[in-house]
């Protein structure tokens, strides 16, 4: 993991096309702004984990058998 120190209005660039800017710092909260191309998905980690779990559940063998019954 790369750890960087940034101040308000400073930014980092990832992969030449994603820019993350520190917008605001209040106590222990940091507000980030993320500029990325539309085709680059950006999620909060807890949402990303939920999506991954839902995808795994959708690929469950039991669900596939139910789909075969429909066809």
PDB file of N, CA and C in Angstrom:
ATOM      1  N   UNK A   1       0.844  -1.170   0.000  1.00  0.00           N
ATOM      2  CA  UNK A   1       0.000   0.000   0.000  1.00  0.00           C
ATOM      3  C   UNK A   1       0.887   1.231   0.000  1.00  0.00           C
ATOM      4  N   UNK A   2       0.549   2.182  -0.813  1.00  0.00           N
ATOM      5  CA  UNK A   2       1.236   3.463  -0.860  1.00  0.00           C
ATOM      6  C   UNK A   2       0.491   4.425   0.049  1.00  0.00           C
ATOM      7  N   UNK A   3       1.175   5.037   0.990  1.00  0.00           N
ATOM      8  CA  UNK A   3       0.558   6.013   1.897  1.00  0.00           C
ATOM      9  C   UNK A   3       1.114   7.396   1.557  1.00  0.00           C
ATOM     10  N   UNK A   4       0.217   8.338   1.289  1.00  0.00           N
ATOM     11  CA  UNK A   4       0.614   9.694   0.924  1.00  0.00           C
ATOM     12  C   UNK A   4      -0.020  10.700   1.870  1.00  0.00           C
ATOM     13  N   UNK A   5       0.678  11.777   2.125  1.00  0.00           N
ATOM     14  CA  UNK A   5       0.102  12.896   2.872  1.00  0.00           C
ATOM     15  C   UNK A   5      -0.336  13.946   1.863  1.00  0.00           C
ATOM     16  N   UNK A   6      -1.546  14.441   2.014  1.00  0.00           N
ATOM     17  CA  UNK A   6      -2.076  15.472   1.131  1.00  0.00           C
ATOM     18  C   UNK A   6      -2.782  16.511   1.982  1.00  0.00           C
ATOM     19  N   UNK A   7      -2.813  17.739   1.520  1.00  0.00           N
ATOM     20  CA  UNK A   7      -3.540  18.822   2.175  1.00  0.00           C
ATOM     21  C   UNK A   7      -4.755  19.174   1.327  1.00  0.00           C
ATOM     22  N   UNK A   8      -5.630  19.984   1.878  1.00  0.00           N
ATOM     23  CA  UNK A   8      -6.828  20.414   1.157  1.00  0.00           C
ATOM     24  C   UNK A   8      -6.435  20.989  -0.205  1.00  0.00           C
ATOM     25  N   UNK A   9      -7.191  20.609  -1.215  1.00  0.00           N
ATOM     26  CA  UNK A   9      -7.019  21.014  -2.613  1.00  0.00           C
ATOM     27  C   UNK A   9      -5.810  20.385  -3.296  1.00  0.00           C
ATOM     28  N   UNK A  10      -5.101  19.471  -2.636  1.00  0.00           N
ATOM     29  CA  UNK A  10      -4.039  18.735  -3.295  1.00  0.00           C
ATOM     30  C   UNK A  10      -4.627  17.437  -3.853  1.00  0.00           C
ATOM     31  N   UNK A  11      -3.950  16.860  -4.829  1.00  0.00           N
ATOM     32  CA  UNK A  11      -4.502  15.691  -5.521  1.00  0.00           C
ATOM     33  C   UNK A  11      -3.426  14.648  -5.768  1.00  0.00           C
ATOM     34  N   UNK A  12      -3.892  13.457  -6.132  1.00  0.00           N
ATOM     35  CA  UNK A  12      -3.018  12.404  -6.652  1.00  0.00           C
ATOM     36  C   UNK A  12      -3.636  11.919  -7.960  1.00  0.00           C
ATOM     37  N   UNK A  13      -2.809  11.371  -8.810  1.00  0.00           N
ATOM     38  CA  UNK A  13      -3.268  10.850 -10.098  1.00  0.00           C
ATOM     39  C   UNK A  13      -2.962   9.358 -10.139  1.00  0.00           C
ATOM     40  N   UNK A  14      -3.952   8.577 -10.576  1.00  0.00           N
ATOM     41  CA  UNK A  14      -3.819   7.127 -10.674  1.00  0.00           C
ATOM     42  C   UNK A  14      -4.012   6.730 -12.135  1.00  0.00           C
ATOM     43  N   UNK A  15      -3.073   5.985 -12.669  1.00  0.00           N
ATOM     44  CA  UNK A  15      -3.184   5.421 -14.015  1.00  0.00           C
ATOM     45  C   UNK A  15      -3.436   6.474 -15.098  1.00  0.00           C
ATOM     46  N   UNK A  16      -2.885   7.647 -14.946  1.00  0.00           N
ATOM     47  CA  UNK A  16      -2.952   8.737 -15.931  1.00  0.00           C
ATOM     48  C   UNK A  16      -4.345   9.297 -16.194  1.00  0.00           C
ATOM     49  N   UNK A  17      -5.411   8.678 -15.677  1.00  0.00           N
ATOM     50  CA  UNK A  17      -6.739   9.185 -16.021  1.00  0.00           C
ATOM     51  C   UNK A  17      -7.706   9.264 -14.840  1.00  0.00           C
ATOM     52  N   UNK A  18      -7.223   9.018 -13.624  1.00  0.00           N
ATOM     53  CA  UNK A  18      -8.059   9.137 -12.433  1.00  0.00           C
ATOM     54  C   UNK A  18      -7.377  10.111 -11.482  1.00  0.00           C
ATOM     55  N   UNK A  19      -8.094  11.163 -11.124  1.00  0.00           N
ATOM     56  CA  UNK A  19      -7.548  12.161 -10.205  1.00  0.00           C
ATOM     57  C   UNK A  19      -8.381  12.180  -8.930  1.00  0.00           C
ATOM     58  N   UNK A  20      -7.704  12.082  -7.794  1.00  0.00           N
ATOM     59  CA  UNK A  20      -8.362  12.107  -6.486  1.00  0.00           C
ATOM     60  C   UNK A  20      -7.884  13.359  -5.766  1.00  0.00           C
ATOM     61  N   UNK A  21      -8.837  14.232  -5.421  1.00  0.00           N
ATOM     62  CA  UNK A  21      -8.530  15.518  -4.797  1.00  0.00           C
ATOM     63  C   UNK A  21      -9.106  15.570  -3.395  1.00  0.00           C
ATOM     64  N   UNK A  22      -8.353  16.118  -2.462  1.00  0.00           N
ATOM     65  CA  UNK A  22      -8.843  16.344  -1.104  1.00  0.00           C
ATOM     66  C   UNK A  22      -9.683  17.626  -1.146  1.00  0.00           C
ATOM     67  N   UNK A  23     -10.979  17.495  -0.916  1.00  0.00           N
ATOM     68  CA  UNK A  23     -11.879  18.644  -0.976  1.00  0.00           C
ATOM     69  C   UNK A  23     -12.046  19.332   0.374  1.00  0.00           C
ATOM     70  N   UNK A  24     -12.091  18.527   1.437  1.00  0.00           N
ATOM     71  CA  UNK A  24     -12.383  19.091   2.748  1.00  0.00           C
ATOM     72  C   UNK A  24     -11.870  18.151   3.834  1.00  0.00           C
ATOM     73  N   UNK A  25     -11.416  18.723   4.922  1.00  0.00           N
ATOM     74  CA  UNK A  25     -10.987  17.948   6.076  1.00  0.00           C
ATOM     75  C   UNK A  25     -11.688  18.532   7.297  1.00  0.00           C
ATOM     76  N   UNK A  26     -12.487  17.706   7.974  1.00  0.00           N
ATOM     77  CA  UNK A  26     -13.190  18.113   9.191  1.00  0.00           C
ATOM     78  C   UNK A  26     -12.972  17.041  10.245  1.00  0.00           C
ATOM     79  N   UNK A  27     -12.174  17.346  11.252  1.00  0.00           N
ATOM     80  CA  UNK A  27     -11.913  16.370  12.304  1.00  0.00           C
ATOM     81  C   UNK A  27     -11.313  15.104  11.731  1.00  0.00           C
ATOM     82  N   UNK A  28     -12.001  13.974  11.929  1.00  0.00           N
ATOM     83  CA  UNK A  28     -11.489  12.699  11.423  1.00  0.00           C
ATOM     84  C   UNK A  28     -12.102  12.293  10.090  1.00  0.00           C
ATOM     85  N   UNK A  29     -12.805  13.229   9.435  1.00  0.00           N
ATOM     86  CA  UNK A  29     -13.398  12.933   8.130  1.00  0.00           C
ATOM     87  C   UNK A  29     -12.676  13.702   7.031  1.00  0.00           C
ATOM     88  N   UNK A  30     -12.522  13.034   5.897  1.00  0.00           N
ATOM     89  CA  UNK A  30     -11.906  13.637   4.725  1.00  0.00           C
ATOM     90  C   UNK A  30     -12.884  13.494   3.574  1.00  0.00           C
ATOM     91  N   UNK A  31     -13.174  14.579   2.873  1.00  0.00           N
ATOM     92  CA  UNK A  31     -14.054  14.520   1.703  1.00  0.00           C
ATOM     93  C   UNK A  31     -13.169  14.506   0.458  1.00  0.00           C
ATOM     94  N   UNK A  32     -13.370  13.483  -0.373  1.00  0.00           N
ATOM     95  CA  UNK A  32     -12.592  13.305  -1.592  1.00  0.00           C
ATOM     96  C   UNK A  32     -13.422  13.615  -2.817  1.00  0.00           C
ATOM     97  N   UNK A  33     -12.785  14.144  -3.823  1.00  0.00           N
ATOM     98  CA  UNK A  33     -13.390  14.297  -5.142  1.00  0.00           C
ATOM     99  C   UNK A  33     -12.641  13.393  -6.096  1.00  0.00           C
ATOM    100  N   UNK A  34     -13.364  12.626  -6.898  1.00  0.00           N
ATOM    101  CA  UNK A  34     -12.724  11.678  -7.808  1.00  0.00           C
ATOM    102  C   UNK A  34     -13.169  11.990  -9.231  1.00  0.00           C
ATOM    103  N   UNK A  35     -12.204  12.285 -10.081  1.00  0.00           N
ATOM    104  CA  UNK A  35     -12.474  12.513 -11.504  1.00  0.00           C
ATOM    105  C   UNK A  35     -11.930  11.317 -12.270  1.00  0.00           C
ATOM    106  N   UNK A  36     -12.823  10.628 -12.964  1.00  0.00           N
ATOM    107  CA  UNK A  36     -12.434   9.446 -13.718  1.00  0.00           C
ATOM    108  C   UNK A  36     -13.307   9.348 -14.960  1.00  0.00           C
ATOM    109  N   UNK A  37     -12.817   8.678 -15.999  1.00  0.00           N
ATOM    110  CA  UNK A  37     -13.656   8.450 -17.180  1.00  0.00           C
ATOM    111  C   UNK A  37     -14.915   7.663 -16.799  1.00  0.00           C
ATOM    112  N   UNK A  38     -15.984   7.858 -17.535  1.00  0.00           N
ATOM    113  CA  UNK A  38     -17.252   7.182 -17.246  1.00  0.00           C
ATOM    114  C   UNK A  38     -17.124   5.666 -17.213  1.00  0.00           C
ATOM    115  N   UNK A  39     -16.223   5.123 -18.021  1.00  0.00           N
ATOM    116  CA  UNK A  39     -16.100   3.663 -18.073  1.00  0.00           C
ATOM    117  C   UNK A  39     -15.322   3.086 -16.887  1.00  0.00           C
ATOM    118  N   UNK A  40     -14.810   3.940 -16.020  1.00  0.00           N
ATOM    119  CA  UNK A  40     -14.086   3.485 -14.830  1.00  0.00           C
ATOM    120  C   UNK A  40     -15.047   3.522 -13.637  1.00  0.00           C
ATOM    121  N   UNK A  41     -15.449   2.364 -13.134  1.00  0.00           N
ATOM    122  CA  UNK A  41     -16.370   2.365 -11.995  1.00  0.00           C
ATOM    123  C   UNK A  41     -15.649   2.808 -10.721  1.00  0.00           C
ATOM    124  N   UNK A  42     -16.343   3.620  -9.915  1.00  0.00           N
ATOM    125  CA  UNK A  42     -15.810   4.086  -8.634  1.00  0.00           C
ATOM    126  C   UNK A  42     -16.865   3.794  -7.573  1.00  0.00           C
ATOM    127  N   UNK A  43     -16.504   3.002  -6.564  1.00  0.00           N
ATOM    128  CA  UNK A  43     -17.440   2.610  -5.507  1.00  0.00           C
ATOM    129  C   UNK A  43     -16.804   2.832  -4.147  1.00  0.00           C
ATOM    130  N   UNK A  44     -17.643   3.101  -3.153  1.00  0.00           N
ATOM    131  CA  UNK A  44     -17.182   2.993  -1.770  1.00  0.00           C
ATOM    132  C   UNK A  44     -16.917   1.516  -1.523  1.00  0.00           C
ATOM    133  N   UNK A  45     -15.937   1.209  -0.688  1.00  0.00           N
ATOM    134  CA  UNK A  45     -15.548  -0.193  -0.506  1.00  0.00           C
ATOM    135  C   UNK A  45     -16.706  -1.053  -0.022  1.00  0.00           C
ATOM    136  N   UNK A  46     -17.523  -0.561   0.919  1.00  0.00           N
ATOM    137  CA  UNK A  46     -18.612  -1.384   1.437  1.00  0.00           C
ATOM    138  C   UNK A  46     -19.639  -1.702   0.348  1.00  0.00           C
ATOM    139  N   UNK A  47     -19.839  -0.784  -0.595  1.00  0.00           N
ATOM    140  CA  UNK A  47     -20.751  -1.044  -1.718  1.00  0.00           C
ATOM    141  C   UNK A  47     -20.118  -2.053  -2.667  1.00  0.00           C
ATOM    142  N   UNK A  48     -18.828  -1.903  -2.926  1.00  0.00           N
ATOM    143  CA  UNK A  48     -18.115  -2.834  -3.796  1.00  0.00           C
ATOM    144  C   UNK A  48     -18.186  -4.263  -3.255  1.00  0.00           C
ATOM    145  N   UNK A  49     -18.005  -4.410  -1.942  1.00  0.00           N
ATOM    146  CA  UNK A  49     -18.066  -5.732  -1.310  1.00  0.00           C
ATOM    147  C   UNK A  49     -19.470  -6.324  -1.468  1.00  0.00           C
ATOM    148  N   UNK A  50     -20.502  -5.510  -1.292  1.00  0.00           N
ATOM    149  CA  UNK A  50     -21.879  -5.990  -1.463  1.00  0.00           C
ATOM    150  C   UNK A  50     -22.121  -6.457  -2.897  1.00  0.00           C
ATOM    151  N   UNK A  51     -21.612  -5.715  -3.858  1.00  0.00           N
ATOM    152  CA  UNK A  51     -21.770  -6.090  -5.269  1.00  0.00           C
ATOM    153  C   UNK A  51     -21.082  -7.419  -5.531  1.00  0.00           C
ATOM    154  N   UNK A  52     -19.866  -7.577  -5.006  1.00  0.00           N
ATOM    155  CA  UNK A  52     -19.132  -8.829  -5.204  1.00  0.00           C
ATOM    156  C   UNK A  52     -19.869 -10.014  -4.579  1.00  0.00           C
ATOM    157  N   UNK A  53     -20.404  -9.817  -3.382  1.00  0.00           N
ATOM    158  CA  UNK A  53     -21.164 -10.887  -2.724  1.00  0.00           C
ATOM    159  C   UNK A  53     -22.413 -11.242  -3.511  1.00  0.00           C
ATOM    160  N   UNK A  54     -23.109 -10.230  -4.033  1.00  0.00           N
ATOM    161  CA  UNK A  54     -24.300 -10.487  -4.833  1.00  0.00           C
ATOM    162  C   UNK A  54     -23.939 -11.244  -6.109  1.00  0.00           C
ATOM    163  N   UNK A  55     -22.817 -10.888  -6.712  1.00  0.00           N
ATOM    164  CA  UNK A  55     -22.375 -11.595  -7.918  1.00  0.00           C
ATOM    165  C   UNK A  55     -22.045 -13.048  -7.618  1.00  0.00           C
ATOM    166  N   UNK A  56     -21.388 -13.303  -6.480  1.00  0.00           N
ATOM    167  CA  UNK A  56     -21.078 -14.681  -6.097  1.00  0.00           C
ATOM    168  C   UNK A  56     -22.363 -15.469  -5.863  1.00  0.00           C
ATOM    169  N   UNK A  57     -23.332 -14.859  -5.214  1.00  0.00           N
ATOM    170  CA  UNK A  57     -24.605 -15.523  -4.950  1.00  0.00           C
ATOM    171  C   UNK A  57     -25.330 -15.832  -6.259  1.00  0.00           C
ATOM    172  N   UNK A  58     -25.239 -14.901  -7.209  1.00  0.00           N
ATOM    173  CA  UNK A  58     -25.897 -15.111  -8.499  1.00  0.00           C
ATOM    174  C   UNK A  58     -25.274 -16.271  -9.267  1.00  0.00           C
ATOM    175  N   UNK A  59     -24.006 -16.541  -8.997  1.00  0.00           N
ATOM    176  CA  UNK A  59     -23.319 -17.632  -9.676  1.00  0.00           C
ATOM    177  C   UNK A  59     -23.459 -18.955  -8.926  1.00  0.00           C
ATOM    178  N   UNK A  60     -24.208 -18.958  -7.854  1.00  0.00           N
ATOM    179  CA  UNK A  60     -24.433 -20.151  -7.051  1.00  0.00           C
ATOM    180  C   UNK A  60     -25.016 -21.262  -7.927  1.00  0.00           C
ATOM    181  N   UNK A  61     -24.538 -22.460  -7.789  1.00  0.00           N
ATOM    182  CA  UNK A  61     -24.981 -23.598  -8.606  1.00  0.00           C
ATOM    183  C   UNK A  61     -26.483 -23.806  -8.489  1.00  0.00           C
ATOM    184  N   UNK A  62     -27.035 -23.638  -7.289  1.00  0.00           N
ATOM    185  CA  UNK A  62     -28.472 -23.820  -7.116  1.00  0.00           C
ATOM    186  C   UNK A  62     -29.248 -22.827  -7.967  1.00  0.00           C
ATOM    187  N   UNK A  63     -28.768 -21.595  -8.038  1.00  0.00           N
ATOM    188  CA  UNK A  63     -29.425 -20.592  -8.873  1.00  0.00           C
ATOM    189  C   UNK A  63     -29.328 -20.970 -10.345  1.00  0.00           C
ATOM    190  N   UNK A  64     -28.224 -21.559 -10.755  1.00  0.00           N
ATOM    191  CA  UNK A  64     -28.052 -21.958 -12.146  1.00  0.00           C
ATOM    192  C   UNK A  64     -29.030 -23.076 -12.502  1.00  0.00           C
ATOM    193  N   UNK A  65     -29.276 -23.994 -11.554  1.00  0.00           N
ATOM    194  CA  UNK A  65     -30.237 -25.060 -11.806  1.00  0.00           C
ATOM    195  C   UNK A  65     -31.637 -24.482 -11.982  1.00  0.00           C
ATOM    196  N   UNK A  66     -31.974 -23.485 -11.168  1.00  0.00           N
ATOM    197  CA  UNK A  66     -33.272 -22.830 -11.304  1.00  0.00           C
ATOM    198  C   UNK A  66     -33.403 -22.145 -12.652  1.00  0.00           C
ATOM    199  N   UNK A  67     -32.315 -21.564 -13.128  1.00  0.00           N
ATOM    200  CA  UNK A  67     -32.328 -20.917 -14.437  1.00  0.00           C
ATOM    201  C   UNK A  67     -32.527 -21.956 -15.534  1.00  0.00           C
ATOM    202  N   UNK A  68     -31.901 -23.097 -15.419  1.00  0.00           N
ATOM    203  CA  UNK A  68     -32.058 -24.153 -16.415  1.00  0.00           C
ATOM    204  C   UNK A  68     -33.502 -24.634 -16.458  1.00  0.00           C
ATOM    205  N   UNK A  69     -34.160 -24.680 -15.301  1.00  0.00           N
ATOM    206  CA  UNK A  69     -35.573 -25.084 -15.261  1.00  0.00           C
ATOM    207  C   UNK A  69     -36.435 -24.094 -16.038  1.00  0.00           C
ATOM    208  N   UNK A  70     -36.072 -22.813 -15.979  1.00  0.00           N
ATOM    209  CA  UNK A  70     -36.833 -21.799 -16.701  1.00  0.00           C
ATOM    210  C   UNK A  70     -36.680 -21.937 -18.213  1.00  0.00           C
ATOM    211  N   UNK A  71     -35.506 -22.370 -18.629  1.00  0.00           N
ATOM    212  CA  UNK A  71     -35.236 -22.498 -20.070  1.00  0.00           C
ATOM    213  C   UNK A  71     -35.830 -23.795 -20.571  1.00  0.00           C
TER     214      UNK A  71
END
